[in-house]
Amino acid sequence: VSVYIPNQELLKSEIDNYGKRRIIRRSCTITAGYELDFEYVQKALITAASNVEQVLNVPNPYVRITAFKDFAVEYTLYVFVNDIRRLREIDADLRKTVLETCKSHKIDI
């Protein structure tokens, strides 16, 4: 199947290519104080990902520091899913679970 996208559209918006594999990377970004260890925040975020049913175990979820803000470190949790039709629901479930997990781990976001 060939899909043609005008150059003007490519410049104006973000394009998601779902490809053949049907595995899609999603992300959830939080900020947490500089006083927290990376490993502690990472473990909490990976725990949150493992509690979302639609998140795949393979490829593994992972966490990266994506920015240093004035008063906090920005962390991004990356997860993989394979249900394209439920992306918004999965994203919402992931954010809710991250929020609950951060609260239970005393991570102020």
PDB file of N, CA and C in Angstrom:
ATOM      1  N   VAL A   1       0.845  -1.172   0.000  1.00  0.00           N
ATOM      2  CA  VAL A   1       0.000   0.000   0.000  1.00  0.00           C
ATOM      3  C   VAL A   1       0.888   1.231   0.000  1.00  0.00           C
ATOM      4  N   SER A   2       0.596   2.160  -0.867  1.00  0.00           N
ATOM      5  CA  SER A   2       1.321   3.428  -0.919  1.00  0.00           C
ATOM      6  C   SER A   2       0.437   4.539  -0.376  1.00  0.00           C
ATOM      7  N   VAL A   3       1.037   5.367   0.431  1.00  0.00           N
ATOM      8  CA  VAL A   3       0.328   6.518   0.978  1.00  0.00           C
ATOM      9  C   VAL A   3       1.118   7.760   0.595  1.00  0.00           C
ATOM     10  N   TYR A   4       0.441   8.718   0.000  1.00  0.00           N
ATOM     11  CA  TYR A   4       1.084   9.963  -0.406  1.00  0.00           C
ATOM     12  C   TYR A   4       0.630  11.083   0.514  1.00  0.00           C
ATOM     13  N   ILE A   5       1.617  11.785   1.069  1.00  0.00           N
ATOM     14  CA  ILE A   5       1.329  12.900   1.966  1.00  0.00           C
ATOM     15  C   ILE A   5       1.995  14.137   1.375  1.00  0.00           C
ATOM     16  N   PRO A   6       1.223  15.179   1.136  1.00  0.00           N
ATOM     17  CA  PRO A   6       1.814  16.406   0.585  1.00  0.00           C
ATOM     18  C   PRO A   6       2.885  16.979   1.517  1.00  0.00           C
ATOM     19  N   ASN A   7       3.955  17.505   0.929  1.00  0.00           N
ATOM     20  CA  ASN A   7       5.046  18.083   1.720  1.00  0.00           C
ATOM     21  C   ASN A   7       4.549  19.131   2.701  1.00  0.00           C
ATOM     22  N   GLN A   8       3.574  19.907   2.284  1.00  0.00           N
ATOM     23  CA  GLN A   8       3.030  20.957   3.140  1.00  0.00           C
ATOM     24  C   GLN A   8       2.448  20.359   4.424  1.00  0.00           C
ATOM     25  N   GLU A   9       1.799  19.212   4.322  1.00  0.00           N
ATOM     26  CA  GLU A   9       1.239  18.547   5.502  1.00  0.00           C
ATOM     27  C   GLU A   9       2.346  18.015   6.409  1.00  0.00           C
ATOM     28  N   LEU A  10       3.412  17.507   5.820  1.00  0.00           N
ATOM     29  CA  LEU A  10       4.537  17.010   6.610  1.00  0.00           C
ATOM     30  C   LEU A  10       5.167  18.123   7.436  1.00  0.00           C
ATOM     31  N   LEU A  11       5.204  19.310   6.894  1.00  0.00           N
ATOM     32  CA  LEU A  11       5.803  20.442   7.598  1.00  0.00           C
ATOM     33  C   LEU A  11       4.893  21.012   8.677  1.00  0.00           C
ATOM     34  N   LYS A  12       3.588  20.855   8.513  1.00  0.00           N
ATOM     35  CA  LYS A  12       2.626  21.462   9.444  1.00  0.00           C
ATOM     36  C   LYS A  12       2.299  20.588  10.644  1.00  0.00           C
ATOM     37  N   SER A  13       2.448  19.287  10.534  1.00  0.00           N
ATOM     38  CA  SER A  13       1.966  18.427  11.608  1.00  0.00           C
ATOM     39  C   SER A  13       2.882  17.233  11.816  1.00  0.00           C
ATOM     40  N   GLU A  14       2.659  16.561  12.935  1.00  0.00           N
ATOM     41  CA  GLU A  14       3.403  15.357  13.253  1.00  0.00           C
ATOM     42  C   GLU A  14       2.696  14.167  12.618  1.00  0.00           C
ATOM     43  N   ILE A  15       3.467  13.287  12.020  1.00  0.00           N
ATOM     44  CA  ILE A  15       2.913  12.117  11.353  1.00  0.00           C
ATOM     45  C   ILE A  15       3.304  10.875  12.150  1.00  0.00           C
ATOM     46  N   ASP A  16       2.338  10.041  12.480  1.00  0.00           N
ATOM     47  CA  ASP A  16       2.604   8.762  13.134  1.00  0.00           C
ATOM     48  C   ASP A  16       2.572   7.662  12.090  1.00  0.00           C
ATOM     49  N   ASN A  17       3.661   6.924  11.986  1.00  0.00           N
ATOM     50  CA  ASN A  17       3.730   5.799  11.066  1.00  0.00           C
ATOM     51  C   ASN A  17       3.576   4.522  11.878  1.00  0.00           C
ATOM     52  N   TYR A  18       2.481   3.840  11.697  1.00  0.00           N
ATOM     53  CA  TYR A  18       2.216   2.642  12.479  1.00  0.00           C
ATOM     54  C   TYR A  18       2.908   1.408  11.910  1.00  0.00           C
ATOM     55  N   GLY A  19       3.364   1.444  10.699  1.00  0.00           N
ATOM     56  CA  GLY A  19       4.182   0.390  10.125  1.00  0.00           C
ATOM     57  C   GLY A  19       3.591  -1.002  10.197  1.00  0.00           C
ATOM     58  N   LYS A  20       4.426  -1.971   9.846  1.00  0.00           N
ATOM     59  CA  LYS A  20       4.005  -3.366   9.803  1.00  0.00           C
ATOM     60  C   LYS A  20       3.949  -4.009  11.179  1.00  0.00           C
ATOM     61  N   ARG A  21       4.885  -3.656  12.038  1.00  0.00           N
ATOM     62  CA  ARG A  21       5.057  -4.384  13.289  1.00  0.00           C
ATOM     63  C   ARG A  21       3.873  -4.239  14.224  1.00  0.00           C
ATOM     64  N   ARG A  22       3.154  -3.172  14.112  1.00  0.00           N
ATOM     65  CA  ARG A  22       1.988  -2.945  14.969  1.00  0.00           C
ATOM     66  C   ARG A  22       2.355  -2.786  16.442  1.00  0.00           C
ATOM     67  N   ILE A  23       3.599  -2.522  16.727  1.00  0.00           N
ATOM     68  CA  ILE A  23       4.012  -2.201  18.095  1.00  0.00           C
ATOM     69  C   ILE A  23       4.337  -0.718  18.101  1.00  0.00           C
ATOM     70  N   ILE A  24       3.690  -0.014  19.004  1.00  0.00           N
ATOM     71  CA  ILE A  24       3.792   1.438  19.027  1.00  0.00           C
ATOM     72  C   ILE A  24       4.389   1.884  20.352  1.00  0.00           C
ATOM     73  N   ARG A  25       5.350   2.803  20.288  1.00  0.00           N
ATOM     74  CA  ARG A  25       5.928   3.360  21.507  1.00  0.00           C
ATOM     75  C   ARG A  25       5.086   4.546  21.946  1.00  0.00           C
ATOM     76  N   ARG A  26       4.755   4.572  23.223  1.00  0.00           N
ATOM     77  CA  ARG A  26       4.018   5.670  23.835  1.00  0.00           C
ATOM     78  C   ARG A  26       4.879   6.216  24.966  1.00  0.00           C
ATOM     79  N   SER A  27       4.544   7.392  25.452  1.00  0.00           N
ATOM     80  CA  SER A  27       5.345   7.973  26.526  1.00  0.00           C
ATOM     81  C   SER A  27       4.475   8.742  27.508  1.00  0.00           C
ATOM     82  N   CYS A  28       5.036   8.908  28.695  1.00  0.00           N
ATOM     83  CA  CYS A  28       4.406   9.695  29.749  1.00  0.00           C
ATOM     84  C   CYS A  28       5.535  10.451  30.448  1.00  0.00           C
ATOM     85  N   THR A  29       5.418  11.760  30.526  1.00  0.00           N
ATOM     86  CA  THR A  29       6.474  12.596  31.090  1.00  0.00           C
ATOM     87  C   THR A  29       6.022  13.207  32.404  1.00  0.00           C
ATOM     88  N   ILE A  30       6.923  13.160  33.385  1.00  0.00           N
ATOM     89  CA  ILE A  30       6.665  13.786  34.683  1.00  0.00           C
ATOM     90  C   ILE A  30       7.885  14.617  35.070  1.00  0.00           C
ATOM     91  N   THR A  31       7.716  15.446  36.082  1.00  0.00           N
ATOM     92  CA  THR A  31       8.854  16.106  36.711  1.00  0.00           C
ATOM     93  C   THR A  31       8.866  15.724  38.177  1.00  0.00           C
ATOM     94  N   ALA A  32      10.070  15.589  38.710  1.00  0.00           N
ATOM     95  CA  ALA A  32      10.238  15.246  40.123  1.00  0.00           C
ATOM     96  C   ALA A  32      11.450  16.006  40.643  1.00  0.00           C
ATOM     97  N   GLY A  33      11.460  16.244  41.933  1.00  0.00           N
ATOM     98  CA  GLY A  33      12.498  17.057  42.547  1.00  0.00           C
ATOM     99  C   GLY A  33      13.900  16.494  42.392  1.00  0.00           C
ATOM    100  N   TYR A  34      14.876  17.405  42.419  1.00  0.00           N
ATOM    101  CA  TYR A  34      16.280  17.026  42.298  1.00  0.00           C
ATOM    102  C   TYR A  34      16.747  16.142  43.448  1.00  0.00           C
ATOM    103  N   GLU A  35      16.050  16.186  44.572  1.00  0.00           N
ATOM    104  CA  GLU A  35      16.481  15.411  45.735  1.00  0.00           C
ATOM    105  C   GLU A  35      16.245  13.912  45.575  1.00  0.00           C
ATOM    106  N   LEU A  36      15.446  13.511  44.610  1.00  0.00           N
ATOM    107  CA  LEU A  36      15.134  12.090  44.407  1.00  0.00           C
ATOM    108  C   LEU A  36      16.179  11.415  43.523  1.00  0.00           C
ATOM    109  N   ASP A  37      16.536  10.181  43.894  1.00  0.00           N
ATOM    110  CA  ASP A  37      17.466   9.401  43.083  1.00  0.00           C
ATOM    111  C   ASP A  37      16.795   8.932  41.803  1.00  0.00           C
ATOM    112  N   PHE A  38      17.557   8.924  40.721  1.00  0.00           N
ATOM    113  CA  PHE A  38      17.040   8.455  39.439  1.00  0.00           C
ATOM    114  C   PHE A  38      16.488   7.036  39.561  1.00  0.00           C
ATOM    115  N   GLU A  39      17.227   6.158  40.229  1.00  0.00           N
ATOM    116  CA  GLU A  39      16.813   4.759  40.338  1.00  0.00           C
ATOM    117  C   GLU A  39      15.466   4.620  41.043  1.00  0.00           C
ATOM    118  N   TYR A  40      15.221   5.465  42.034  1.00  0.00           N
ATOM    119  CA  TYR A  40      13.955   5.414  42.768  1.00  0.00           C
ATOM    120  C   TYR A  40      12.789   5.805  41.861  1.00  0.00           C
ATOM    121  N   VAL A  41      12.957   6.898  41.135  1.00  0.00           N
ATOM    122  CA  VAL A  41      11.909   7.359  40.216  1.00  0.00           C
ATOM    123  C   VAL A  41      11.733   6.344  39.092  1.00  0.00           C
ATOM    124  N   GLN A  42      12.833   5.853  38.565  1.00  0.00           N
ATOM    125  CA  GLN A  42      12.780   4.861  37.490  1.00  0.00           C
ATOM    126  C   GLN A  42      12.001   3.619  37.923  1.00  0.00           C
ATOM    127  N   LYS A  43      12.306   3.112  39.090  1.00  0.00           N
ATOM    128  CA  LYS A  43      11.624   1.909  39.582  1.00  0.00           C
ATOM    129  C   LYS A  43      10.124   2.155  39.730  1.00  0.00           C
ATOM    130  N   ALA A  44       9.760   3.314  40.258  1.00  0.00           N
ATOM    131  CA  ALA A  44       8.341   3.640  40.423  1.00  0.00           C
ATOM    132  C   ALA A  44       7.637   3.713  39.072  1.00  0.00           C
ATOM    133  N   LEU A  45       8.268   4.341  38.095  1.00  0.00           N
ATOM    134  CA  LEU A  45       7.642   4.473  36.779  1.00  0.00           C
ATOM    135  C   LEU A  45       7.534   3.126  36.067  1.00  0.00           C
ATOM    136  N   ILE A  46       8.540   2.292  36.188  1.00  0.00           N
ATOM    137  CA  ILE A  46       8.478   0.949  35.587  1.00  0.00           C
ATOM    138  C   ILE A  46       7.393   0.125  36.270  1.00  0.00           C
ATOM    139  N   THR A  47       7.256   0.277  37.584  1.00  0.00           N
ATOM    140  CA  THR A  47       6.175  -0.398  38.311  1.00  0.00           C
ATOM    141  C   THR A  47       4.823   0.056  37.783  1.00  0.00           C
ATOM    142  N   ALA A  48       4.675   1.349  37.575  1.00  0.00           N
ATOM    143  CA  ALA A  48       3.416   1.872  37.028  1.00  0.00           C
ATOM    144  C   ALA A  48       3.128   1.246  35.673  1.00  0.00           C
ATOM    145  N   ALA A  49       4.128   1.191  34.813  1.00  0.00           N
ATOM    146  CA  ALA A  49       3.939   0.609  33.476  1.00  0.00           C
ATOM    147  C   ALA A  49       3.508  -0.846  33.564  1.00  0.00           C
ATOM    148  N   SER A  50       4.091  -1.579  34.496  1.00  0.00           N
ATOM    149  CA  SER A  50       3.754  -3.004  34.622  1.00  0.00           C
ATOM    150  C   SER A  50       2.337  -3.216  35.138  1.00  0.00           C
ATOM    151  N   ASN A  51       1.745  -2.176  35.705  1.00  0.00           N
ATOM    152  CA  ASN A  51       0.376  -2.281  36.212  1.00  0.00           C
ATOM    153  C   ASN A  51      -0.685  -1.869  35.193  1.00  0.00           C
ATOM    154  N   VAL A  52      -0.263  -1.521  33.994  1.00  0.00           N
ATOM    155  CA  VAL A  52      -1.208  -1.198  32.920  1.00  0.00           C
ATOM    156  C   VAL A  52      -1.278  -2.421  32.010  1.00  0.00           C
ATOM    157  N   GLU A  53      -2.433  -3.033  31.969  1.00  0.00           N
ATOM    158  CA  GLU A  53      -2.607  -4.316  31.289  1.00  0.00           C
ATOM    159  C   GLU A  53      -2.158  -4.295  29.828  1.00  0.00           C
ATOM    160  N   GLN A  54      -2.423  -3.209  29.123  1.00  0.00           N
ATOM    161  CA  GLN A  54      -2.152  -3.160  27.687  1.00  0.00           C
ATOM    162  C   GLN A  54      -0.685  -2.881  27.345  1.00  0.00           C
ATOM    163  N   VAL A  55       0.125  -2.534  28.338  1.00  0.00           N
ATOM    164  CA  VAL A  55       1.541  -2.264  28.090  1.00  0.00           C
ATOM    165  C   VAL A  55       2.276  -3.593  27.935  1.00  0.00           C
ATOM    166  N   LEU A  56       3.062  -3.696  26.870  1.00  0.00           N
ATOM    167  CA  LEU A  56       3.803  -4.923  26.593  1.00  0.00           C
ATOM    168  C   LEU A  56       5.032  -5.033  27.487  1.00  0.00           C
ATOM    169  N   ASN A  57       5.394  -6.270  27.833  1.00  0.00           N
ATOM    170  CA  ASN A  57       6.622  -6.517  28.591  1.00  0.00           C
ATOM    171  C   ASN A  57       7.844  -6.536  27.683  1.00  0.00           C
ATOM    172  N   VAL A  58       7.623  -6.893  26.412  1.00  0.00           N
ATOM    173  CA  VAL A  58       8.692  -6.932  25.425  1.00  0.00           C
ATOM    174  C   VAL A  58       8.226  -6.170  24.206  1.00  0.00           C
ATOM    175  N   PRO A  59       8.919  -5.156  23.788  1.00  0.00           N
ATOM    176  CA  PRO A  59      10.109  -4.549  24.381  1.00  0.00           C
ATOM    177  C   PRO A  59       9.818  -3.978  25.774  1.00  0.00           C
ATOM    178  N   ASN A  60      10.844  -3.966  26.594  1.00  0.00           N
ATOM    179  CA  ASN A  60      10.706  -3.503  27.973  1.00  0.00           C
ATOM    180  C   ASN A  60      10.412  -2.008  28.047  1.00  0.00           C
ATOM    181  N   PRO A  61       9.544  -1.606  28.983  1.00  0.00           N
ATOM    182  CA  PRO A  61       9.400  -0.174  29.273  1.00  0.00           C
ATOM    183  C   PRO A  61      10.742   0.361  29.800  1.00  0.00           C
ATOM    184  N   TYR A  62      11.010   1.629  29.555  1.00  0.00           N
ATOM    185  CA  TYR A  62      12.243   2.221  30.065  1.00  0.00           C
ATOM    186  C   TYR A  62      12.022   3.697  30.382  1.00  0.00           C
ATOM    187  N   VAL A  63      12.937   4.252  31.168  1.00  0.00           N
ATOM    188  CA  VAL A  63      12.839   5.643  31.630  1.00  0.00           C
ATOM    189  C   VAL A  63      14.114   6.378  31.236  1.00  0.00           C
ATOM    190  N   ARG A  64      13.944   7.615  30.789  1.00  0.00           N
ATOM    191  CA  ARG A  64      15.077   8.479  30.471  1.00  0.00           C
ATOM    192  C   ARG A  64      14.870   9.837  31.137  1.00  0.00           C
ATOM    193  N   ILE A  65      15.968  10.456  31.537  1.00  0.00           N
ATOM    194  CA  ILE A  65      15.918  11.859  31.947  1.00  0.00           C
ATOM    195  C   ILE A  65      15.900  12.660  30.655  1.00  0.00           C
ATOM    196  N   THR A  66      14.852  13.468  30.478  1.00  0.00           N
ATOM    197  CA  THR A  66      14.700  14.185  29.212  1.00  0.00           C
ATOM    198  C   THR A  66      14.951  15.686  29.321  1.00  0.00           C
ATOM    199  N   ALA A  67      15.041  16.210  30.547  1.00  0.00           N
ATOM    200  CA  ALA A  67      15.356  17.638  30.694  1.00  0.00           C
ATOM    201  C   ALA A  67      15.661  17.948  32.155  1.00  0.00           C
ATOM    202  N   PHE A  68      16.423  19.009  32.337  1.00  0.00           N
ATOM    203  CA  PHE A  68      16.659  19.568  33.659  1.00  0.00           C
ATOM    204  C   PHE A  68      15.924  20.898  33.713  1.00  0.00           C
ATOM    205  N   LYS A  69      14.917  20.967  34.545  1.00  0.00           N
ATOM    206  CA  LYS A  69      14.119  22.183  34.694  1.00  0.00           C
ATOM    207  C   LYS A  69      14.690  23.010  35.842  1.00  0.00           C
ATOM    208  N   ASP A  70      14.119  24.189  36.076  1.00  0.00           N
ATOM    209  CA  ASP A  70      14.611  25.053  37.146  1.00  0.00           C
ATOM    210  C   ASP A  70      14.541  24.385  38.513  1.00  0.00           C
ATOM    211  N   PHE A  71      13.429  23.700  38.792  1.00  0.00           N
ATOM    212  CA  PHE A  71      13.236  23.142  40.125  1.00  0.00           C
ATOM    213  C   PHE A  71      12.977  21.644  40.123  1.00  0.00           C
ATOM    214  N   ALA A  72      13.121  20.998  38.991  1.00  0.00           N
ATOM    215  CA  ALA A  72      12.817  19.570  38.913  1.00  0.00           C
ATOM    216  C   ALA A  72      13.527  18.931  37.723  1.00  0.00           C
ATOM    217  N   VAL A  73      13.622  17.628  37.791  1.00  0.00           N
ATOM    218  CA  VAL A  73      14.153  16.822  36.697  1.00  0.00           C
ATOM    219  C   VAL A  73      12.964  16.276  35.915  1.00  0.00           C
ATOM    220  N   GLU A  74      13.053  16.304  34.596  1.00  0.00           N
ATOM    221  CA  GLU A  74      11.984  15.759  33.760  1.00  0.00           C
ATOM    222  C   GLU A  74      12.346  14.323  33.382  1.00  0.00           C
ATOM    223  N   TYR A  75      11.436  13.403  33.693  1.00  0.00           N
ATOM    224  CA  TYR A  75      11.600  11.987  33.371  1.00  0.00           C
ATOM    225  C   TYR A  75      10.537  11.602  32.354  1.00  0.00           C
ATOM    226  N   THR A  76      10.921  10.779  31.388  1.00  0.00           N
ATOM    227  CA  THR A  76       9.947  10.260  30.434  1.00  0.00           C
ATOM    228  C   THR A  76       9.968   8.743  30.490  1.00  0.00           C
ATOM    229  N   LEU A  77       8.783   8.191  30.708  1.00  0.00           N
ATOM    230  CA  LEU A  77       8.574   6.746  30.694  1.00  0.00           C
ATOM    231  C   LEU A  77       8.140   6.363  29.288  1.00  0.00           C
ATOM    232  N   TYR A  78       8.839   5.415  28.693  1.00  0.00           N
ATOM    233  CA  TYR A  78       8.488   4.919  27.363  1.00  0.00           C
ATOM    234  C   TYR A  78       7.963   3.497  27.498  1.00  0.00           C
ATOM    235  N   VAL A  79       6.829   3.250  26.876  1.00  0.00           N
ATOM    236  CA  VAL A  79       6.215   1.921  26.907  1.00  0.00           C
ATOM    237  C   VAL A  79       5.819   1.535  25.487  1.00  0.00           C
ATOM    238  N   PHE A  80       5.510   0.263  25.314  1.00  0.00           N
ATOM    239  CA  PHE A  80       5.121  -0.242  24.003  1.00  0.00           C
ATOM    240  C   PHE A  80       3.768  -0.927  24.099  1.00  0.00           C
ATOM    241  N   VAL A  81       2.932  -0.667  23.109  1.00  0.00           N
ATOM    242  CA  VAL A  81       1.587  -1.251  23.055  1.00  0.00           C
ATOM    243  C   VAL A  81       1.343  -1.764  21.640  1.00  0.00           C
ATOM    244  N   ASN A  82       0.323  -2.602  21.495  1.00  0.00           N
ATOM    245  CA  ASN A  82       0.021  -3.128  20.162  1.00  0.00           C
ATOM    246  C   ASN A  82      -1.450  -3.013  19.784  1.00  0.00           C
ATOM    247  N   ASP A  83      -2.194  -2.214  20.521  1.00  0.00           N
ATOM    248  CA  ASP A  83      -3.611  -2.025  20.212  1.00  0.00           C
ATOM    249  C   ASP A  83      -3.828  -0.589  19.729  1.00  0.00           C
ATOM    250  N   ILE A  84      -3.692  -0.395  18.441  1.00  0.00           N
ATOM    251  CA  ILE A  84      -3.767   0.943  17.847  1.00  0.00           C
ATOM    252  C   ILE A  84      -5.116   1.601  18.102  1.00  0.00           C
ATOM    253  N   ARG A  85      -6.163   0.817  18.110  1.00  0.00           N
ATOM    254  CA  ARG A  85      -7.508   1.377  18.255  1.00  0.00           C
ATOM    255  C   ARG A  85      -7.775   1.944  19.642  1.00  0.00           C
ATOM    256  N   ARG A  86      -6.991   1.568  20.637  1.00  0.00           N
ATOM    257  CA  ARG A  86      -7.251   2.001  22.010  1.00  0.00           C
ATOM    258  C   ARG A  86      -6.149   2.906  22.558  1.00  0.00           C
ATOM    259  N   LEU A  87      -5.421   3.590  21.693  1.00  0.00           N
ATOM    260  CA  LEU A  87      -4.283   4.394  22.148  1.00  0.00           C
ATOM    261  C   LEU A  87      -4.671   5.453  23.173  1.00  0.00           C
ATOM    262  N   ARG A  88      -5.737   6.166  22.938  1.00  0.00           N
ATOM    263  CA  ARG A  88      -6.143   7.221  23.892  1.00  0.00           C
ATOM    264  C   ARG A  88      -6.504   6.630  25.248  1.00  0.00           C
ATOM    265  N   GLU A  89      -7.202   5.532  25.237  1.00  0.00           N
ATOM    266  CA  GLU A  89      -7.571   4.862  26.494  1.00  0.00           C
ATOM    267  C   GLU A  89      -6.324   4.352  27.216  1.00  0.00           C
ATOM    268  N   ILE A  90      -5.414   3.759  26.473  1.00  0.00           N
ATOM    269  CA  ILE A  90      -4.176   3.251  27.071  1.00  0.00           C
ATOM    270  C   ILE A  90      -3.353   4.405  27.633  1.00  0.00           C
ATOM    271  N   ASP A  91      -3.228   5.498  26.882  1.00  0.00           N
ATOM    272  CA  ASP A  91      -2.495   6.670  27.374  1.00  0.00           C
ATOM    273  C   ASP A  91      -3.109   7.200  28.665  1.00  0.00           C
ATOM    274  N   ALA A  92      -4.429   7.268  28.709  1.00  0.00           N
ATOM    275  CA  ALA A  92      -5.120   7.752  29.913  1.00  0.00           C
ATOM    276  C   ALA A  92      -4.880   6.805  31.085  1.00  0.00           C
ATOM    277  N   ASP A  93      -4.959   5.501  30.839  1.00  0.00           N
ATOM    278  CA  ASP A  93      -4.698   4.513  31.893  1.00  0.00           C
ATOM    279  C   ASP A  93      -3.266   4.632  32.400  1.00  0.00           C
ATOM    280  N   LEU A  94      -2.336   4.825  31.483  1.00  0.00           N
ATOM    281  CA  LEU A  94      -0.935   4.956  31.876  1.00  0.00           C
ATOM    282  C   LEU A  94      -0.734   6.199  32.741  1.00  0.00           C
ATOM    283  N   ARG A  95      -1.279   7.341  32.321  1.00  0.00           N
ATOM    284  CA  ARG A  95      -1.134   8.572  33.118  1.00  0.00           C
ATOM    285  C   ARG A  95      -1.762   8.416  34.507  1.00  0.00           C
ATOM    286  N   LYS A  96      -2.943   7.809  34.564  1.00  0.00           N
ATOM    287  CA  LYS A  96      -3.616   7.601  35.853  1.00  0.00           C
ATOM    288  C   LYS A  96      -2.774   6.707  36.760  1.00  0.00           C
ATOM    289  N   THR A  97      -2.247   5.638  36.200  1.00  0.00           N
ATOM    290  CA  THR A  97      -1.439   4.710  36.990  1.00  0.00           C
ATOM    291  C   THR A  97      -0.130   5.352  37.428  1.00  0.00           C
ATOM    292  N   VAL A  98       0.478   6.151  36.572  1.00  0.00           N
ATOM    293  CA  VAL A  98       1.696   6.875  36.951  1.00  0.00           C
ATOM    294  C   VAL A  98       1.394   7.828  38.102  1.00  0.00           C
ATOM    295  N   LEU A  99       0.298   8.549  38.021  1.00  0.00           N
ATOM    296  CA  LEU A  99      -0.089   9.469  39.092  1.00  0.00           C
ATOM    297  C   LEU A  99      -0.276   8.727  40.413  1.00  0.00           C
ATOM    298  N   GLU A 100      -1.029   7.641  40.382  1.00  0.00           N
ATOM    299  CA  GLU A 100      -1.275   6.862  41.600  1.00  0.00           C
ATOM    300  C   GLU A 100       0.019   6.282  42.163  1.00  0.00           C
ATOM    301  N   THR A 101       0.874   5.777  41.291  1.00  0.00           N
ATOM    302  CA  THR A 101       2.133   5.183  41.734  1.00  0.00           C
ATOM    303  C   THR A 101       3.053   6.243  42.332  1.00  0.00           C
ATOM    304  N   CYS A 102       3.116   7.402  41.711  1.00  0.00           N
ATOM    305  CA  CYS A 102       3.946   8.483  42.260  1.00  0.00           C
ATOM    306  C   CYS A 102       3.440   8.918  43.632  1.00  0.00           C
ATOM    307  N   LYS A 103       2.128   9.008  43.786  1.00  0.00           N
ATOM    308  CA  LYS A 103       1.575   9.356  45.103  1.00  0.00           C
ATOM    309  C   LYS A 103       1.956   8.318  46.144  1.00  0.00           C
ATOM    310  N   SER A 104       1.827   7.043  45.805  1.00  0.00           N
ATOM    311  CA  SER A 104       2.124   5.987  46.778  1.00  0.00           C
ATOM    312  C   SER A 104       3.618   5.903  47.097  1.00  0.00           C
ATOM    313  N   HIS A 105       4.472   6.366  46.187  1.00  0.00           N
ATOM    314  CA  HIS A 105       5.915   6.375  46.415  1.00  0.00           C
ATOM    315  C   HIS A 105       6.411   7.732  46.933  1.00  0.00           C
ATOM    316  N   LYS A 106       5.464   8.629  47.244  1.00  0.00           N
ATOM    317  CA  LYS A 106       5.802   9.959  47.774  1.00  0.00           C
ATOM    318  C   LYS A 106       6.681  10.758  46.806  1.00  0.00           C
ATOM    319  N   ILE A 107       6.380  10.619  45.520  1.00  0.00           N
ATOM    320  CA  ILE A 107       7.068  11.398  44.495  1.00  0.00           C
ATOM    321  C   ILE A 107       6.145  12.541  44.118  1.00  0.00           C
ATOM    322  N   ASP A 108       6.545  13.744  44.463  1.00  0.00           N
ATOM    323  CA  ASP A 108       5.733  14.927  44.187  1.00  0.00           C
ATOM    324  C   ASP A 108       5.951  15.352  42.742  1.00  0.00           C
ATOM    325  N   ILE A 109       4.893  15.223  41.946  1.00  0.00           N
ATOM    326  CA  ILE A 109       5.002  15.624  40.544  1.00  0.00           C
ATOM    327  C   ILE A 109       4.186  16.877  40.337  1.00  0.00           C
TER     328      ILE A 109
END
